[in-house]
Amino acid sequence: MTAQETFDHLISGDYQRVKDGSWSVINNRYHKAFIQPFIEHLPLIHEKTDNLDMGGGMVLSNKRFVDCALKTIELHRDGNQCPCVLHRELECFNPDTEEGSGHIMVIDRVFTDTRYIDYFIVECKHCHARYKVTENDYHFRYWNWDPIAD
């Protein structure tokens, strides 16, 4: 999805289009050139999404996707943090998938026994922040990203 298509989706007022637009922003969180045009339109995006009924989701509110997209744009606007901090915003960032995107590196996989991963140790390739990523399973698999102090 292009930046213009993403913007059109975000302000459409249509649940599915807004969700798709939010994911487009989230998936491009490391690409400043893609996110930059949204900064000047942040007030309009807030206005169009603040009271939008995104549905409850099965366990968690679907509004969290819009909230993460807005935080992504705000992070680029403020320019004081690496996009890796956004991994803490949503529970769906699988470290293996994120490693495949080229932005993080899995340093270690710690197993509870020979079959199950207890947690990952990962490092951001941009700012070198490290995270302990705990894999969980309830109604779906999810991951908690906790910073590791230096």
Protein backbone atom coordinates (compact mmCIF):
# COMPACT_ATOMS: atom_id res chain seq x y z
CA MET A 1 0.00 0.00 0.00
CA THR A 2 1.37 3.44 -0.90
CA ALA A 3 1.54 6.26 1.63
CA GLN A 4 -1.41 7.99 -0.07
CA GLU A 5 -3.51 4.82 -0.01
CA THR A 6 -2.57 4.33 3.64
CA PHE A 7 -3.62 7.90 4.47
CA ASP A 8 -6.92 7.46 2.62
CA HIS A 9 -7.57 4.26 4.58
CA LEU A 10 -6.74 5.89 7.92
CA ILE A 11 -9.22 8.74 7.49
CA SER A 12 -11.95 6.69 5.76
CA GLY A 13 -14.05 5.97 8.86
CA ASP A 14 -14.43 2.37 7.67
CA TYR A 15 -13.34 -0.16 10.29
CA GLN A 16 -11.51 -2.56 7.94
CA ARG A 17 -9.85 0.18 5.88
CA VAL A 18 -8.66 1.96 9.04
CA LYS A 19 -7.30 -1.32 10.40
CA ASP A 20 -5.49 -2.01 7.10
CA GLY A 21 -4.11 1.53 7.03
CA SER A 22 -2.94 1.15 10.61
CA TRP A 23 -1.08 -2.03 9.74
CA SER A 24 0.51 -0.30 6.77
CA VAL A 25 1.92 2.35 9.11
CA ILE A 26 2.99 -0.27 11.68
CA ASN A 27 4.69 -2.42 9.05
CA ASN A 28 6.61 0.62 7.80
CA ARG A 29 7.60 1.82 11.29
CA TYR A 30 11.33 1.72 10.43
CA HIS A 31 10.89 3.64 7.15
CA LYS A 32 11.06 7.33 7.99
CA ALA A 33 10.39 8.41 4.38
CA PHE A 34 7.12 6.48 4.38
CA ILE A 35 5.97 7.81 7.77
CA GLN A 36 7.10 11.45 7.35
CA PRO A 37 4.09 12.62 5.25
CA PHE A 38 1.66 11.53 7.97
CA ILE A 39 3.14 13.86 10.57
CA GLU A 40 1.48 17.01 9.24
CA HIS A 41 -1.86 15.19 9.09
CA LEU A 42 -1.66 13.74 12.59
CA PRO A 43 -4.44 15.98 13.99
CA LEU A 44 -6.79 14.92 11.17
CA ILE A 45 -5.92 11.24 11.63
CA HIS A 46 -6.63 11.59 15.36
CA GLU A 47 -9.93 13.33 14.63
CA LYS A 48 -11.05 10.61 12.20
CA THR A 49 -10.03 7.69 14.43
CA ASP A 50 -10.49 8.83 18.05
CA ASN A 51 -14.16 7.86 18.32
CA LEU A 52 -14.22 5.16 15.67
CA ASP A 53 -15.76 1.89 16.81
CA MET A 54 -13.07 -0.67 15.97
CA GLY A 55 -14.84 -3.54 17.69
CA GLY A 56 -13.86 -5.37 20.82
CA GLY A 57 -11.81 -8.11 19.26
CA MET A 58 -11.90 -11.59 20.72
CA VAL A 59 -9.75 -10.76 23.73
CA LEU A 60 -8.28 -7.28 23.13
CA SER A 61 -9.68 -4.14 21.53
CA ASN A 62 -8.92 -3.69 17.84
CA LYS A 63 -8.35 0.01 18.61
CA ARG A 64 -4.84 -0.99 19.71
CA PHE A 65 -3.80 -1.17 16.05
CA VAL A 66 -4.84 2.44 15.42
CA ASP A 67 -3.19 3.49 18.68
CA CYS A 68 0.08 1.83 17.66
CA ALA A 69 -0.06 3.46 14.22
CA LEU A 70 -0.57 6.87 15.85
CA LYS A 71 2.33 6.22 18.25
CA THR A 72 4.46 5.28 15.25
CA ILE A 73 3.75 8.61 13.57
CA GLU A 74 4.31 10.50 16.85
CA LEU A 75 7.61 8.68 17.39
CA HIS A 76 8.85 9.86 13.98
CA ARG A 77 7.52 13.36 14.64
CA ASP A 78 9.37 13.57 17.95
CA GLY A 79 12.47 11.85 16.57
CA ASN A 80 13.87 10.86 19.95
CA GLN A 81 13.43 7.07 19.99
CA CYS A 82 14.17 4.09 17.81
CA PRO A 83 11.09 2.38 16.31
CA CYS A 84 12.06 -0.78 18.20
CA VAL A 85 10.30 0.67 21.26
CA LEU A 86 7.04 0.06 19.40
CA HIS A 87 7.48 -3.69 19.87
CA ARG A 88 6.22 -3.10 23.40
CA GLU A 89 2.96 -1.60 22.11
CA LEU A 90 1.48 -4.69 20.49
CA GLU A 91 1.59 -8.29 21.56
CA CYS A 92 1.82 -9.64 18.02
CA PHE A 93 5.48 -8.96 17.17
CA ASN A 94 6.99 -12.43 16.77
CA PRO A 95 10.79 -12.18 17.20
CA ASP A 96 11.43 -14.69 14.40
CA THR A 97 9.30 -12.67 11.98
CA GLU A 98 10.90 -9.42 13.15
CA GLU A 99 14.35 -10.92 12.60
CA GLY A 100 13.27 -11.83 9.07
CA SER A 101 12.40 -8.16 8.48
CA GLY A 102 16.05 -7.31 9.12
CA HIS A 103 15.56 -4.90 12.00
CA ILE A 104 16.32 -7.12 14.98
CA MET A 105 18.62 -10.03 15.64
CA VAL A 106 17.71 -13.00 17.82
CA ILE A 107 20.73 -13.55 20.06
CA ASP A 108 19.39 -16.48 22.07
CA ARG A 109 16.38 -18.73 22.39
CA VAL A 110 15.97 -20.09 25.90
CA PHE A 111 13.93 -23.27 26.17
CA THR A 112 11.89 -24.55 29.10
CA ASP A 113 12.87 -28.02 27.94
CA THR A 114 13.94 -29.30 24.55
CA ARG A 115 10.65 -28.34 22.88
CA TYR A 116 9.22 -25.07 24.14
CA ILE A 117 10.71 -21.60 23.94
CA ASP A 118 10.58 -19.83 27.28
CA TYR A 119 11.96 -16.54 25.99
CA PHE A 120 14.18 -14.89 23.39
CA ILE A 121 17.00 -12.40 23.83
CA VAL A 122 16.96 -9.99 20.89
CA GLU A 123 18.89 -6.90 19.84
CA CYS A 124 17.78 -4.03 17.65
CA LYS A 125 20.12 -3.67 14.67
CA HIS A 126 19.57 0.11 14.65
CA CYS A 127 20.07 1.26 18.26
CA HIS A 128 21.40 -2.00 19.80
CA ALA A 129 18.76 -2.03 22.54
CA ARG A 130 18.19 -5.49 23.91
CA TYR A 131 14.91 -7.10 24.87
CA LYS A 132 13.81 -10.22 26.67
CA VAL A 133 10.85 -11.43 24.64
CA THR A 134 8.55 -13.86 26.40
CA GLU A 135 6.34 -16.03 24.26
CA ASN A 136 2.86 -16.68 25.65
CA ASP A 137 -0.19 -18.58 24.56
CA TYR A 138 -3.79 -18.02 25.58
CA HIS A 139 -6.45 -17.63 22.89
CA PHE A 140 -3.56 -16.89 20.53
CA ARG A 141 0.25 -16.71 20.62
CA TYR A 142 1.63 -13.40 21.76
CA TRP A 143 4.92 -11.88 22.87
CA ASN A 144 5.92 -9.43 25.61
CA TRP A 145 8.98 -7.32 24.85
CA ASP A 146 10.77 -6.16 28.01
CA PRO A 147 13.89 -3.98 27.76
CA ILE A 148 17.08 -5.37 29.23
CA ALA A 149 19.03 -2.74 31.14
CA ASP A 150 22.65 -2.34 30.09
